[in-house]
């Protein structure tokens, strides 16, 4: 009888210990749902998107994921890579602008998740306000005028020089489309070198009281350094002529109440875009915590502009960007923790 009682006690104790151990493991897994899982992100080839990449990487790391160094890719290469499963995600999808660069099997293999910025990715053409006022520039069509072309001709080839987009960026094709449909190919030369370097040159020219003409977007340091309405102005395209990819959102190519615009409303010629995370579907299915974090993560335009300006002023190393992300998290601890808790709930 005593032997049976001792055995029974041992069995109960063993079961209790097993339950306790299982409960502890379950709690650990809930706190770190990504523990033991390696993740390969990518980031855009434009540095204005580095900040959100660093923040999302830190979020996944706090959830236990082992996040590798991001690969810098152009949009077409990223979208192909994410459908192949070579890359798990990036935070730099601009839609509908990037729709034309998606491979045919995109919806089968990958998806857009959440909104880093909802309808906040504004794009368009800007010129120095001094010249806009002097020559009455309100539209790209004004660059057909000889006196305007001459004012913005930097290399004396008879065409105005426009800081445009490097090859492989979606905006490169849209700018080329504009020069074609508005008949400006003989009037404007698009500069397709490194955007950061070209814009640094434009800023130096502006500070030297020279005319500037450039494509830009928000969020971006450019409109922190050259203030819309004070230093530069947004100008119109002659009329809305969307590319095939823009047609589904053509109404978002015209915007109202834009600071520094030469008219209200203004025809930007670019869709005011949503900035979204894009991820491989298999990765999302296997990692509900990561998916939920992607869904709730969002940033104010002003915060991205501020960080982008710090990069432009010299704080642009990987160490600097990681510090910026840490400082942002420290200022928004309650919000940050709420995102992490939402992600953990996805696996409970």
C-alpha atoms as a PDB file:
ATOM      1  CA  UNK A   1       0.000   0.000   0.000  1.00  0.00           C
ATOM      2  CA  UNK A   2       2.813   2.368   1.017  1.00  0.00           C
ATOM      3  CA  UNK A   3       4.658   1.469  -2.171  1.00  0.00           C
ATOM      4  CA  UNK A   4       1.596   2.343  -4.277  1.00  0.00           C
ATOM      5  CA  UNK A   5       1.221   5.691  -2.475  1.00  0.00           C
ATOM      6  CA  UNK A   6       4.879   6.554  -3.069  1.00  0.00           C
ATOM      7  CA  UNK A   7       4.597   5.613  -6.751  1.00  0.00           C
ATOM      8  CA  UNK A   8       1.410   7.614  -7.070  1.00  0.00           C
ATOM      9  CA  UNK A   9       3.049  10.637  -5.481  1.00  0.00           C
ATOM     10  CA  UNK A  10       6.017  10.375  -7.835  1.00  0.00           C
ATOM     11  CA  UNK A  11       3.739  10.137 -10.857  1.00  0.00           C
ATOM     12  CA  UNK A  12       1.718  13.167  -9.758  1.00  0.00           C
ATOM     13  CA  UNK A  13       4.928  15.114  -9.070  1.00  0.00           C
ATOM     14  CA  UNK A  14       6.320  14.171 -12.456  1.00  0.00           C
ATOM     15  CA  UNK A  15       3.093  15.232 -14.145  1.00  0.00           C
ATOM     16  CA  UNK A  16       3.128  18.539 -12.272  1.00  0.00           C
ATOM     17  CA  UNK A  17       6.761  19.136 -13.227  1.00  0.00           C
ATOM     18  CA  UNK A  18       5.974  18.322 -16.857  1.00  0.00           C
ATOM     19  CA  UNK A  19       3.011  20.691 -16.819  1.00  0.00           C
ATOM     20  CA  UNK A  20       5.099  23.438 -15.235  1.00  0.00           C
ATOM     21  CA  UNK A  21       7.903  22.950 -17.753  1.00  0.00           C
ATOM     22  CA  UNK A  22       5.444  22.916 -20.650  1.00  0.00           C
ATOM     23  CA  UNK A  23       3.763  26.052 -19.324  1.00  0.00           C
ATOM     24  CA  UNK A  24       7.135  27.832 -19.026  1.00  0.00           C
ATOM     25  CA  UNK A  25       8.116  26.795 -22.543  1.00  0.00           C
ATOM     26  CA  UNK A  26       4.755  27.972 -23.826  1.00  0.00           C
ATOM     27  CA  UNK A  27       5.228  31.329 -22.100  1.00  0.00           C
ATOM     28  CA  UNK A  28       8.732  31.649 -23.525  1.00  0.00           C
ATOM     29  CA  UNK A  29       7.488  30.865 -27.020  1.00  0.00           C
ATOM     30  CA  UNK A  30       4.682  33.391 -26.646  1.00  0.00           C
ATOM     31  CA  UNK A  31       7.137  36.099 -25.613  1.00  0.00           C
ATOM     32  CA  UNK A  32       9.610  35.144 -28.351  1.00  0.00           C
ATOM     33  CA  UNK A  33       7.476  33.611 -31.101  1.00  0.00           C
ATOM     34  CA  UNK A  34      10.277  33.990 -33.632  1.00  0.00           C
ATOM     35  CA  UNK A  35      12.936  32.265 -31.572  1.00  0.00           C
ATOM     36  CA  UNK A  36      15.248  30.159 -33.737  1.00  0.00           C
ATOM     37  CA  UNK A  37      13.852  31.496 -37.031  1.00  0.00           C
ATOM     38  CA  UNK A  38      16.202  33.260 -39.452  1.00  0.00           C
ATOM     39  CA  UNK A  39      14.783  36.068 -41.557  1.00  0.00           C
ATOM     40  CA  UNK A  40      16.248  37.687 -44.684  1.00  0.00           C
ATOM     41  CA  UNK A  41      14.961  41.233 -45.304  1.00  0.00           C
ATOM     42  CA  UNK A  42      15.722  43.607 -48.146  1.00  0.00           C
ATOM     43  CA  UNK A  43      15.666  47.387 -48.250  1.00  0.00           C
ATOM     44  CA  UNK A  44      15.317  49.909 -51.034  1.00  0.00           C
ATOM     45  CA  UNK A  45      18.219  51.422 -52.911  1.00  0.00           C
ATOM     46  CA  UNK A  46      17.033  54.904 -51.793  1.00  0.00           C
ATOM     47  CA  UNK A  47      18.204  55.801 -48.296  1.00  0.00           C
ATOM     48  CA  UNK A  48      14.995  57.621 -47.317  1.00  0.00           C
ATOM     49  CA  UNK A  49      13.514  54.155 -46.702  1.00  0.00           C
ATOM     50  CA  UNK A  50      16.286  52.911 -44.402  1.00  0.00           C
ATOM     51  CA  UNK A  51      14.670  54.209 -41.192  1.00  0.00           C
ATOM     52  CA  UNK A  52      11.515  52.091 -41.329  1.00  0.00           C
ATOM     53  CA  UNK A  53      13.590  49.053 -42.314  1.00  0.00           C
ATOM     54  CA  UNK A  54      15.707  49.475 -39.178  1.00  0.00           C
ATOM     55  CA  UNK A  55      12.635  49.836 -36.970  1.00  0.00           C
ATOM     56  CA  UNK A  56      10.901  46.744 -38.350  1.00  0.00           C
ATOM     57  CA  UNK A  57      14.107  44.734 -38.049  1.00  0.00           C
ATOM     58  CA  UNK A  58      14.366  45.744 -34.382  1.00  0.00           C
ATOM     59  CA  UNK A  59      10.738  44.792 -33.814  1.00  0.00           C
ATOM     60  CA  UNK A  60      11.234  41.310 -35.246  1.00  0.00           C
ATOM     61  CA  UNK A  61      14.417  40.909 -33.204  1.00  0.00           C
ATOM     62  CA  UNK A  62      12.489  41.712 -30.015  1.00  0.00           C
ATOM     63  CA  UNK A  63      10.057  38.978 -31.016  1.00  0.00           C
ATOM     64  CA  UNK A  64      12.926  36.502 -31.094  1.00  0.00           C
ATOM     65  CA  UNK A  65      13.682  36.386 -34.826  1.00  0.00           C
ATOM     66  CA  UNK A  66      17.277  36.254 -36.020  1.00  0.00           C
ATOM     67  CA  UNK A  67      17.141  39.015 -38.636  1.00  0.00           C
ATOM     68  CA  UNK A  68      19.993  39.076 -41.123  1.00  0.00           C
ATOM     69  CA  UNK A  69      21.588  42.172 -42.629  1.00  0.00           C
ATOM     70  CA  UNK A  70      19.200  43.560 -45.294  1.00  0.00           C
ATOM     71  CA  UNK A  71      20.094  43.299 -48.973  1.00  0.00           C
ATOM     72  CA  UNK A  72      19.904  46.595 -50.869  1.00  0.00           C
ATOM     73  CA  UNK A  73      17.768  45.992 -53.964  1.00  0.00           C
ATOM     74  CA  UNK A  74      15.956  47.924 -56.676  1.00  0.00           C
ATOM     75  CA  UNK A  75      12.181  47.319 -56.826  1.00  0.00           C
ATOM     76  CA  UNK A  76      12.104  44.929 -59.830  1.00  0.00           C
ATOM     77  CA  UNK A  77      14.785  42.691 -58.310  1.00  0.00           C
ATOM     78  CA  UNK A  78      13.137  42.727 -54.890  1.00  0.00           C
ATOM     79  CA  UNK A  79       9.689  41.752 -56.188  1.00  0.00           C
ATOM     80  CA  UNK A  80      11.164  38.882 -58.164  1.00  0.00           C
ATOM     81  CA  UNK A  81      13.243  37.773 -55.160  1.00  0.00           C
ATOM     82  CA  UNK A  82      10.332  37.874 -52.707  1.00  0.00           C
ATOM     83  CA  UNK A  83       8.173  35.719 -54.991  1.00  0.00           C
ATOM     84  CA  UNK A  84      11.027  33.196 -55.270  1.00  0.00           C
ATOM     85  CA  UNK A  85      11.381  33.116 -51.483  1.00  0.00           C
ATOM     86  CA  UNK A  86      14.984  34.373 -51.566  1.00  0.00           C
ATOM     87  CA  UNK A  87      13.869  37.444 -49.566  1.00  0.00           C
ATOM     88  CA  UNK A  88      11.244  37.349 -46.816  1.00  0.00           C
ATOM     89  CA  UNK A  89      10.087  40.993 -46.793  1.00  0.00           C
ATOM     90  CA  UNK A  90      10.868  44.670 -47.234  1.00  0.00           C
ATOM     91  CA  UNK A  91       9.274  47.878 -45.933  1.00  0.00           C
ATOM     92  CA  UNK A  92       9.609  49.929 -49.126  1.00  0.00           C
ATOM     93  CA  UNK A  93       6.670  49.095 -51.379  1.00  0.00           C
ATOM     94  CA  UNK A  94       5.137  52.189 -53.031  1.00  0.00           C
ATOM     95  CA  UNK A  95       1.676  51.472 -54.425  1.00  0.00           C
ATOM     96  CA  UNK A  96       0.179  51.762 -56.901  1.00  0.00           C
ATOM     97  CA  UNK A  97       3.435  53.167 -58.344  1.00  0.00           C
ATOM     98  CA  UNK A  98       5.250  49.819 -58.043  1.00  0.00           C
ATOM     99  CA  UNK A  99       2.360  47.763 -59.444  1.00  0.00           C
ATOM    100  CA  UNK A 100       3.885  47.870 -62.918  1.00  0.00           C
ATOM    101  CA  UNK A 101       7.050  46.221 -61.564  1.00  0.00           C
ATOM    102  CA  UNK A 102       5.335  43.227 -59.958  1.00  0.00           C
ATOM    103  CA  UNK A 103       5.935  39.830 -61.628  1.00  0.00           C
ATOM    104  CA  UNK A 104       2.937  37.975 -63.009  1.00  0.00           C
ATOM    105  CA  UNK A 105       2.867  35.478 -60.140  1.00  0.00           C
ATOM    106  CA  UNK A 106       3.133  38.143 -57.422  1.00  0.00           C
ATOM    107  CA  UNK A 107      -0.330  37.657 -55.880  1.00  0.00           C
ATOM    108  CA  UNK A 108       0.222  33.902 -55.734  1.00  0.00           C
ATOM    109  CA  UNK A 109       3.583  34.147 -53.965  1.00  0.00           C
ATOM    110  CA  UNK A 110       3.654  37.454 -52.065  1.00  0.00           C
ATOM    111  CA  UNK A 111       1.394  40.146 -50.634  1.00  0.00           C
ATOM    112  CA  UNK A 112       1.245  43.737 -49.392  1.00  0.00           C
ATOM    113  CA  UNK A 113       0.793  44.013 -45.619  1.00  0.00           C
ATOM    114  CA  UNK A 114      -0.278  47.019 -43.553  1.00  0.00           C
ATOM    115  CA  UNK A 115       0.594  50.655 -44.217  1.00  0.00           C
ATOM    116  CA  UNK A 116       3.870  52.254 -43.204  1.00  0.00           C
ATOM    117  CA  UNK A 117       2.269  55.439 -44.553  1.00  0.00           C
ATOM    118  CA  UNK A 118      -1.308  55.603 -45.851  1.00  0.00           C
ATOM    119  CA  UNK A 119      -1.741  57.950 -48.832  1.00  0.00           C
ATOM    120  CA  UNK A 120       1.297  59.907 -47.699  1.00  0.00           C
ATOM    121  CA  UNK A 121       3.868  59.145 -50.375  1.00  0.00           C
ATOM    122  CA  UNK A 122       3.549  62.352 -52.405  1.00  0.00           C
ATOM    123  CA  UNK A 123       5.690  62.873 -55.505  1.00  0.00           C
ATOM    124  CA  UNK A 124       6.119  65.566 -58.085  1.00  0.00           C
ATOM    125  CA  UNK A 125       8.259  68.253 -59.699  1.00  0.00           C
ATOM    126  CA  UNK A 126       9.708  71.260 -57.906  1.00  0.00           C
ATOM    127  CA  UNK A 127      11.477  74.404 -59.067  1.00  0.00           C
ATOM    128  CA  UNK A 128      13.163  77.204 -57.154  1.00  0.00           C
ATOM    129  CA  UNK A 129      10.530  79.768 -56.146  1.00  0.00           C
ATOM    130  CA  UNK A 130      12.632  82.699 -57.314  1.00  0.00           C
ATOM    131  CA  UNK A 131      12.618  81.399 -60.902  1.00  0.00           C
ATOM    132  CA  UNK A 132       8.993  80.255 -60.706  1.00  0.00           C
ATOM    133  CA  UNK A 133       7.991  83.802 -59.808  1.00  0.00           C
ATOM    134  CA  UNK A 134      10.351  85.440 -62.319  1.00  0.00           C
ATOM    135  CA  UNK A 135       9.266  83.343 -65.314  1.00  0.00           C
ATOM    136  CA  UNK A 136       5.708  82.536 -64.258  1.00  0.00           C
ATOM    137  CA  UNK A 137       6.398  78.777 -64.111  1.00  0.00           C
ATOM    138  CA  UNK A 138       3.319  76.801 -63.110  1.00  0.00           C
ATOM    139  CA  UNK A 139       3.658  73.654 -65.233  1.00  0.00           C
ATOM    140  CA  UNK A 140       6.098  71.357 -67.001  1.00  0.00           C
ATOM    141  CA  UNK A 141       4.767  72.894 -70.210  1.00  0.00           C
ATOM    142  CA  UNK A 142       6.601  76.108 -69.329  1.00  0.00           C
ATOM    143  CA  UNK A 143       9.883  74.323 -70.018  1.00  0.00           C
ATOM    144  CA  UNK A 144       9.094  74.546 -73.723  1.00  0.00           C
ATOM    145  CA  UNK A 145       9.775  78.288 -73.458  1.00  0.00           C
ATOM    146  CA  UNK A 146      13.291  79.278 -74.504  1.00  0.00           C
ATOM    147  CA  UNK A 147      13.929  81.640 -71.598  1.00  0.00           C
ATOM    148  CA  UNK A 148      12.930  78.952 -69.082  1.00  0.00           C
ATOM    149  CA  UNK A 149      15.067  76.269 -70.737  1.00  0.00           C
ATOM    150  CA  UNK A 150      18.033  78.629 -70.783  1.00  0.00           C
ATOM    151  CA  UNK A 151      17.667  79.455 -67.070  1.00  0.00           C
ATOM    152  CA  UNK A 152      17.791  75.765 -66.080  1.00  0.00           C
ATOM    153  CA  UNK A 153      20.376  74.628 -68.652  1.00  0.00           C
ATOM    154  CA  UNK A 154      23.464  73.618 -66.671  1.00  0.00           C
ATOM    155  CA  UNK A 155      25.581  72.185 -69.511  1.00  0.00           C
ATOM    156  CA  UNK A 156      24.625  74.502 -72.370  1.00  0.00           C
ATOM    157  CA  UNK A 157      22.980  71.805 -74.507  1.00  0.00           C
ATOM    158  CA  UNK A 158      19.831  73.840 -75.071  1.00  0.00           C
ATOM    159  CA  UNK A 159      17.714  71.813 -72.611  1.00  0.00           C
ATOM    160  CA  UNK A 160      16.662  72.341 -69.011  1.00  0.00           C
ATOM    161  CA  UNK A 161      18.344  69.914 -66.615  1.00  0.00           C
ATOM    162  CA  UNK A 162      15.997  67.939 -64.350  1.00  0.00           C
ATOM    163  CA  UNK A 163      17.233  65.902 -61.370  1.00  0.00           C
ATOM    164  CA  UNK A 164      15.274  62.748 -62.146  1.00  0.00           C
ATOM    165  CA  UNK A 165      15.459  59.102 -60.992  1.00  0.00           C
ATOM    166  CA  UNK A 166      18.170  56.462 -61.409  1.00  0.00           C
ATOM    167  CA  UNK A 167      17.558  53.455 -63.641  1.00  0.00           C
ATOM    168  CA  UNK A 168      15.414  50.745 -62.073  1.00  0.00           C
ATOM    169  CA  UNK A 169      13.293  53.104 -59.963  1.00  0.00           C
ATOM    170  CA  UNK A 170       9.598  53.181 -60.833  1.00  0.00           C
ATOM    171  CA  UNK A 171       9.676  56.978 -61.043  1.00  0.00           C
ATOM    172  CA  UNK A 172      12.258  56.772 -63.844  1.00  0.00           C
ATOM    173  CA  UNK A 173       9.678  55.249 -66.192  1.00  0.00           C
ATOM    174  CA  UNK A 174       6.991  57.750 -65.160  1.00  0.00           C
ATOM    175  CA  UNK A 175       9.282  60.720 -65.791  1.00  0.00           C
ATOM    176  CA  UNK A 176      10.205  59.279 -69.201  1.00  0.00           C
ATOM    177  CA  UNK A 177       6.480  58.842 -69.860  1.00  0.00           C
ATOM    178  CA  UNK A 178       5.866  62.509 -68.998  1.00  0.00           C
ATOM    179  CA  UNK A 179       8.618  63.782 -71.273  1.00  0.00           C
ATOM    180  CA  UNK A 180       7.090  61.696 -74.060  1.00  0.00           C
ATOM    181  CA  UNK A 181       3.362  62.454 -73.694  1.00  0.00           C
ATOM    182  CA  UNK A 182       3.900  66.161 -73.023  1.00  0.00           C
ATOM    183  CA  UNK A 183       6.372  66.517 -75.901  1.00  0.00           C
ATOM    184  CA  UNK A 184       9.276  67.611 -73.722  1.00  0.00           C
ATOM    185  CA  UNK A 185      12.016  65.256 -74.890  1.00  0.00           C
ATOM    186  CA  UNK A 186      13.711  68.086 -76.828  1.00  0.00           C
ATOM    187  CA  UNK A 187      13.310  70.524 -73.932  1.00  0.00           C
ATOM    188  CA  UNK A 188      14.331  68.672 -70.776  1.00  0.00           C
ATOM    189  CA  UNK A 189      17.306  66.425 -69.964  1.00  0.00           C
ATOM    190  CA  UNK A 190      16.590  63.981 -67.114  1.00  0.00           C
ATOM    191  CA  UNK A 191      19.638  63.417 -64.895  1.00  0.00           C
ATOM    192  CA  UNK A 192      19.600  59.735 -63.925  1.00  0.00           C
ATOM    193  CA  UNK A 193      22.751  59.566 -61.808  1.00  0.00           C
ATOM    194  CA  UNK A 194      22.714  58.747 -58.089  1.00  0.00           C
ATOM    195  CA  UNK A 195      19.733  60.641 -56.704  1.00  0.00           C
ATOM    196  CA  UNK A 196      21.391  61.495 -53.402  1.00  0.00           C
ATOM    197  CA  UNK A 197      24.465  62.902 -55.123  1.00  0.00           C
ATOM    198  CA  UNK A 198      22.425  64.793 -57.730  1.00  0.00           C
ATOM    199  CA  UNK A 199      20.184  66.334 -55.081  1.00  0.00           C
ATOM    200  CA  UNK A 200      23.181  67.270 -52.943  1.00  0.00           C
ATOM    201  CA  UNK A 201      24.454  69.118 -56.020  1.00  0.00           C
ATOM    202  CA  UNK A 202      21.076  70.801 -56.522  1.00  0.00           C
ATOM    203  CA  UNK A 203      21.028  71.933 -52.883  1.00  0.00           C
ATOM    204  CA  UNK A 204      24.520  73.404 -53.264  1.00  0.00           C
ATOM    205  CA  UNK A 205      23.401  75.222 -56.421  1.00  0.00           C
ATOM    206  CA  UNK A 206      20.331  76.594 -54.655  1.00  0.00           C
ATOM    207  CA  UNK A 207      22.444  77.873 -51.771  1.00  0.00           C
ATOM    208  CA  UNK A 208      24.628  79.549 -54.387  1.00  0.00           C
ATOM    209  CA  UNK A 209      21.509  81.354 -55.684  1.00  0.00           C
ATOM    210  CA  UNK A 210      21.255  79.216 -58.819  1.00  0.00           C
ATOM    211  CA  UNK A 211      17.997  77.798 -60.296  1.00  0.00           C
ATOM    212  CA  UNK A 212      16.995  74.228 -59.409  1.00  0.00           C
ATOM    213  CA  UNK A 213      14.523  71.843 -61.063  1.00  0.00           C
ATOM    214  CA  UNK A 214      14.005  68.381 -59.620  1.00  0.00           C
ATOM    215  CA  UNK A 215      11.704  65.451 -58.997  1.00  0.00           C
ATOM    216  CA  UNK A 216      11.186  64.565 -55.350  1.00  0.00           C
ATOM    217  CA  UNK A 217       8.872  62.780 -52.971  1.00  0.00           C
ATOM    218  CA  UNK A 218       7.720  62.870 -49.375  1.00  0.00           C
ATOM    219  CA  UNK A 219       8.977  61.676 -46.994  1.00  0.00           C
ATOM    220  CA  UNK A 220      12.334  63.033 -48.035  1.00  0.00           C
ATOM    221  CA  UNK A 221      15.040  65.315 -46.654  1.00  0.00           C
ATOM    222  CA  UNK A 222      14.828  67.518 -49.755  1.00  0.00           C
ATOM    223  CA  UNK A 223      11.666  69.279 -48.571  1.00  0.00           C
ATOM    224  CA  UNK A 224      13.224  69.858 -45.159  1.00  0.00           C
ATOM    225  CA  UNK A 225      16.275  71.515 -46.663  1.00  0.00           C
ATOM    226  CA  UNK A 226      14.370  73.468 -49.326  1.00  0.00           C
ATOM    227  CA  UNK A 227      11.042  74.517 -47.867  1.00  0.00           C
ATOM    228  CA  UNK A 228       7.966  74.304 -50.151  1.00  0.00           C
ATOM    229  CA  UNK A 229       6.476  77.761 -50.582  1.00  0.00           C
ATOM    230  CA  UNK A 230       9.584  79.539 -49.334  1.00  0.00           C
ATOM    231  CA  UNK A 231      12.514  78.095 -51.278  1.00  0.00           C
ATOM    232  CA  UNK A 232      10.842  75.909 -53.894  1.00  0.00           C
ATOM    233  CA  UNK A 233       7.360  75.239 -55.281  1.00  0.00           C
ATOM    234  CA  UNK A 234       5.465  72.200 -56.576  1.00  0.00           C
ATOM    235  CA  UNK A 235       4.426  72.625 -60.204  1.00  0.00           C
ATOM    236  CA  UNK A 236       1.725  70.980 -62.326  1.00  0.00           C
ATOM    237  CA  UNK A 237       1.906  68.556 -65.187  1.00  0.00           C
ATOM    238  CA  UNK A 238       0.000  70.010 -68.183  1.00  0.00           C
ATOM    239  CA  UNK A 239      -2.791  67.435 -67.855  1.00  0.00           C
ATOM    240  CA  UNK A 240      -3.353  64.090 -66.214  1.00  0.00           C
ATOM    241  CA  UNK A 241      -2.123  61.373 -68.572  1.00  0.00           C
ATOM    242  CA  UNK A 242      -1.548  58.266 -66.441  1.00  0.00           C
ATOM    243  CA  UNK A 243       0.635  55.323 -67.311  1.00  0.00           C
ATOM    244  CA  UNK A 244      -1.105  51.954 -67.473  1.00  0.00           C
ATOM    245  CA  UNK A 245      -0.109  51.245 -63.861  1.00  0.00           C
ATOM    246  CA  UNK A 246      -1.445  54.609 -62.671  1.00  0.00           C
ATOM    247  CA  UNK A 247      -4.871  54.364 -64.305  1.00  0.00           C
ATOM    248  CA  UNK A 248      -6.548  52.558 -61.397  1.00  0.00           C
ATOM    249  CA  UNK A 249      -5.708  55.472 -59.090  1.00  0.00           C
ATOM    250  CA  UNK A 250      -5.711  58.409 -61.518  1.00  0.00           C
ATOM    251  CA  UNK A 251      -7.863  60.482 -59.155  1.00  0.00           C
ATOM    252  CA  UNK A 252      -4.972  60.433 -56.667  1.00  0.00           C
ATOM    253  CA  UNK A 253      -2.684  62.154 -59.185  1.00  0.00           C
ATOM    254  CA  UNK A 254      -4.301  65.478 -58.299  1.00  0.00           C
ATOM    255  CA  UNK A 255      -4.023  66.786 -54.731  1.00  0.00           C
ATOM    256  CA  UNK A 256      -5.507  69.646 -52.730  1.00  0.00           C
ATOM    257  CA  UNK A 257      -4.162  71.979 -50.048  1.00  0.00           C
ATOM    258  CA  UNK A 258      -0.500  71.121 -50.646  1.00  0.00           C
ATOM    259  CA  UNK A 259       1.967  73.493 -48.986  1.00  0.00           C
ATOM    260  CA  UNK A 260       4.067  75.272 -51.572  1.00  0.00           C
ATOM    261  CA  UNK A 261       1.953  74.280 -54.585  1.00  0.00           C
ATOM    262  CA  UNK A 262       1.548  76.838 -57.386  1.00  0.00           C
ATOM    263  CA  UNK A 263      -2.176  76.026 -57.623  1.00  0.00           C
ATOM    264  CA  UNK A 264      -4.961  74.424 -55.623  1.00  0.00           C
ATOM    265  CA  UNK A 265      -5.635  71.701 -56.572  1.00  0.00           C
ATOM    266  CA  UNK A 266      -2.358  70.724 -58.196  1.00  0.00           C
ATOM    267  CA  UNK A 267      -1.859  68.105 -60.912  1.00  0.00           C
ATOM    268  CA  UNK A 268       1.187  66.217 -59.605  1.00  0.00           C
ATOM    269  CA  UNK A 269       1.356  63.602 -62.369  1.00  0.00           C
ATOM    270  CA  UNK A 270       2.232  60.946 -59.777  1.00  0.00           C
ATOM    271  CA  UNK A 271      -0.172  58.972 -57.634  1.00  0.00           C
ATOM    272  CA  UNK A 272      -0.099  59.903 -53.967  1.00  0.00           C
ATOM    273  CA  UNK A 273       1.089  56.481 -52.868  1.00  0.00           C
ATOM    274  CA  UNK A 274       0.680  54.098 -49.959  1.00  0.00           C
ATOM    275  CA  UNK A 275       4.001  52.891 -48.540  1.00  0.00           C
ATOM    276  CA  UNK A 276       3.570  49.247 -47.555  1.00  0.00           C
ATOM    277  CA  UNK A 277       5.503  46.234 -46.345  1.00  0.00           C
ATOM    278  CA  UNK A 278       5.673  43.419 -48.895  1.00  0.00           C
ATOM    279  CA  UNK A 279       6.369  39.856 -47.783  1.00  0.00           C
ATOM    280  CA  UNK A 280       6.529  36.303 -49.067  1.00  0.00           C
ATOM    281  CA  UNK A 281       3.242  34.469 -48.436  1.00  0.00           C
ATOM    282  CA  UNK A 282       4.857  31.293 -47.102  1.00  0.00           C
ATOM    283  CA  UNK A 283       6.863  33.376 -44.639  1.00  0.00           C
ATOM    284  CA  UNK A 284       3.697  35.118 -43.451  1.00  0.00           C
ATOM    285  CA  UNK A 285       1.792  31.831 -43.069  1.00  0.00           C
ATOM    286  CA  UNK A 286       4.566  30.331 -40.944  1.00  0.00           C
ATOM    287  CA  UNK A 287       5.097  33.511 -38.910  1.00  0.00           C
ATOM    288  CA  UNK A 288       1.798  35.024 -37.720  1.00  0.00           C
ATOM    289  CA  UNK A 289       3.614  37.177 -35.160  1.00  0.00           C
ATOM    290  CA  UNK A 290       5.724  38.828 -37.867  1.00  0.00           C
ATOM    291  CA  UNK A 291       2.643  39.298 -40.039  1.00  0.00           C
ATOM    292  CA  UNK A 292       0.738  40.990 -37.228  1.00  0.00           C
ATOM    293  CA  UNK A 293       3.682  43.290 -36.490  1.00  0.00           C
ATOM    294  CA  UNK A 294       3.739  44.267 -40.175  1.00  0.00           C
ATOM    295  CA  UNK A 295       0.010  45.000 -40.037  1.00  0.00           C
ATOM    296  CA  UNK A 296       0.142  47.392 -37.084  1.00  0.00           C
ATOM    297  CA  UNK A 297       3.479  49.124 -37.787  1.00  0.00           C
ATOM    298  CA  UNK A 298       3.065  52.695 -39.061  1.00  0.00           C
ATOM    299  CA  UNK A 299       5.029  55.962 -38.982  1.00  0.00           C
ATOM    300  CA  UNK A 300       4.169  59.677 -39.187  1.00  0.00           C
ATOM    301  CA  UNK A 301       5.567  61.472 -42.237  1.00  0.00           C
ATOM    302  CA  UNK A 302       7.084  64.129 -39.996  1.00  0.00           C
ATOM    303  CA  UNK A 303       9.167  61.554 -38.110  1.00  0.00           C
ATOM    304  CA  UNK A 304      10.553  60.081 -41.326  1.00  0.00           C
ATOM    305  CA  UNK A 305      11.328  63.537 -42.721  1.00  0.00           C
ATOM    306  CA  UNK A 306      13.164  64.450 -39.519  1.00  0.00           C
ATOM    307  CA  UNK A 307      15.271  61.288 -39.594  1.00  0.00           C
ATOM    308  CA  UNK A 308      15.978  61.676 -43.321  1.00  0.00           C
ATOM    309  CA  UNK A 309      17.251  65.191 -42.655  1.00  0.00           C
ATOM    310  CA  UNK A 310      19.640  63.895 -39.990  1.00  0.00           C
ATOM    311  CA  UNK A 311      21.024  61.417 -42.535  1.00  0.00           C
ATOM    312  CA  UNK A 312      21.515  64.172 -45.078  1.00  0.00           C
ATOM    313  CA  UNK A 313      23.423  66.182 -42.494  1.00  0.00           C
ATOM    314  CA  UNK A 314      25.938  63.355 -42.113  1.00  0.00           C
ATOM    315  CA  UNK A 315      24.365  60.837 -39.726  1.00  0.00           C
ATOM    316  CA  UNK A 316      23.977  58.142 -42.370  1.00  0.00           C
ATOM    317  CA  UNK A 317      26.091  55.178 -41.272  1.00  0.00           C
ATOM    318  CA  UNK A 318      24.409  51.918 -40.292  1.00  0.00           C
ATOM    319  CA  UNK A 319      25.320  52.712 -36.687  1.00  0.00           C
ATOM    320  CA  UNK A 320      23.687  56.152 -36.972  1.00  0.00           C
ATOM    321  CA  UNK A 321      20.472  54.752 -38.447  1.00  0.00           C
ATOM    322  CA  UNK A 322      20.257  52.099 -35.738  1.00  0.00           C
ATOM    323  CA  UNK A 323      20.699  54.828 -33.133  1.00  0.00           C
ATOM    324  CA  UNK A 324      17.921  56.870 -34.733  1.00  0.00           C
ATOM    325  CA  UNK A 325      15.645  53.835 -34.527  1.00  0.00           C
ATOM    326  CA  UNK A 326      16.550  53.242 -30.863  1.00  0.00           C
ATOM    327  CA  UNK A 327      15.838  56.884 -30.046  1.00  0.00           C
ATOM    328  CA  UNK A 328      12.474  56.731 -31.803  1.00  0.00           C
ATOM    329  CA  UNK A 329      11.525  53.588 -29.856  1.00  0.00           C
ATOM    330  CA  UNK A 330      12.549  55.244 -26.573  1.00  0.00           C
ATOM    331  CA  UNK A 331      10.255  58.191 -27.342  1.00  0.00           C
ATOM    332  CA  UNK A 332       7.318  55.935 -28.255  1.00  0.00           C
ATOM    333  CA  UNK A 333       7.676  53.092 -25.760  1.00  0.00           C
ATOM    334  CA  UNK A 334       3.962  52.616 -25.102  1.00  0.00           C
ATOM    335  CA  UNK A 335       3.104  52.485 -28.797  1.00  0.00           C
ATOM    336  CA  UNK A 336       6.068  50.215 -29.574  1.00  0.00           C
ATOM    337  CA  UNK A 337       5.155  47.762 -26.815  1.00  0.00           C
ATOM    338  CA  UNK A 338       1.553  47.698 -28.004  1.00  0.00           C
ATOM    339  CA  UNK A 339       2.755  46.577 -31.447  1.00  0.00           C
ATOM    340  CA  UNK A 340       4.878  43.833 -29.903  1.00  0.00           C
ATOM    341  CA  UNK A 341       1.974  42.678 -27.739  1.00  0.00           C
ATOM    342  CA  UNK A 342      -0.316  42.562 -30.774  1.00  0.00           C
ATOM    343  CA  UNK A 343       2.265  40.401 -32.531  1.00  0.00           C
ATOM    344  CA  UNK A 344       2.552  38.024 -29.562  1.00  0.00           C
ATOM    345  CA  UNK A 345      -1.222  37.641 -29.357  1.00  0.00           C
ATOM    346  CA  UNK A 346      -1.175  36.262 -32.916  1.00  0.00           C
ATOM    347  CA  UNK A 347       0.408  33.033 -31.673  1.00  0.00           C
ATOM    348  CA  UNK A 348      -1.564  32.596 -28.443  1.00  0.00           C
END
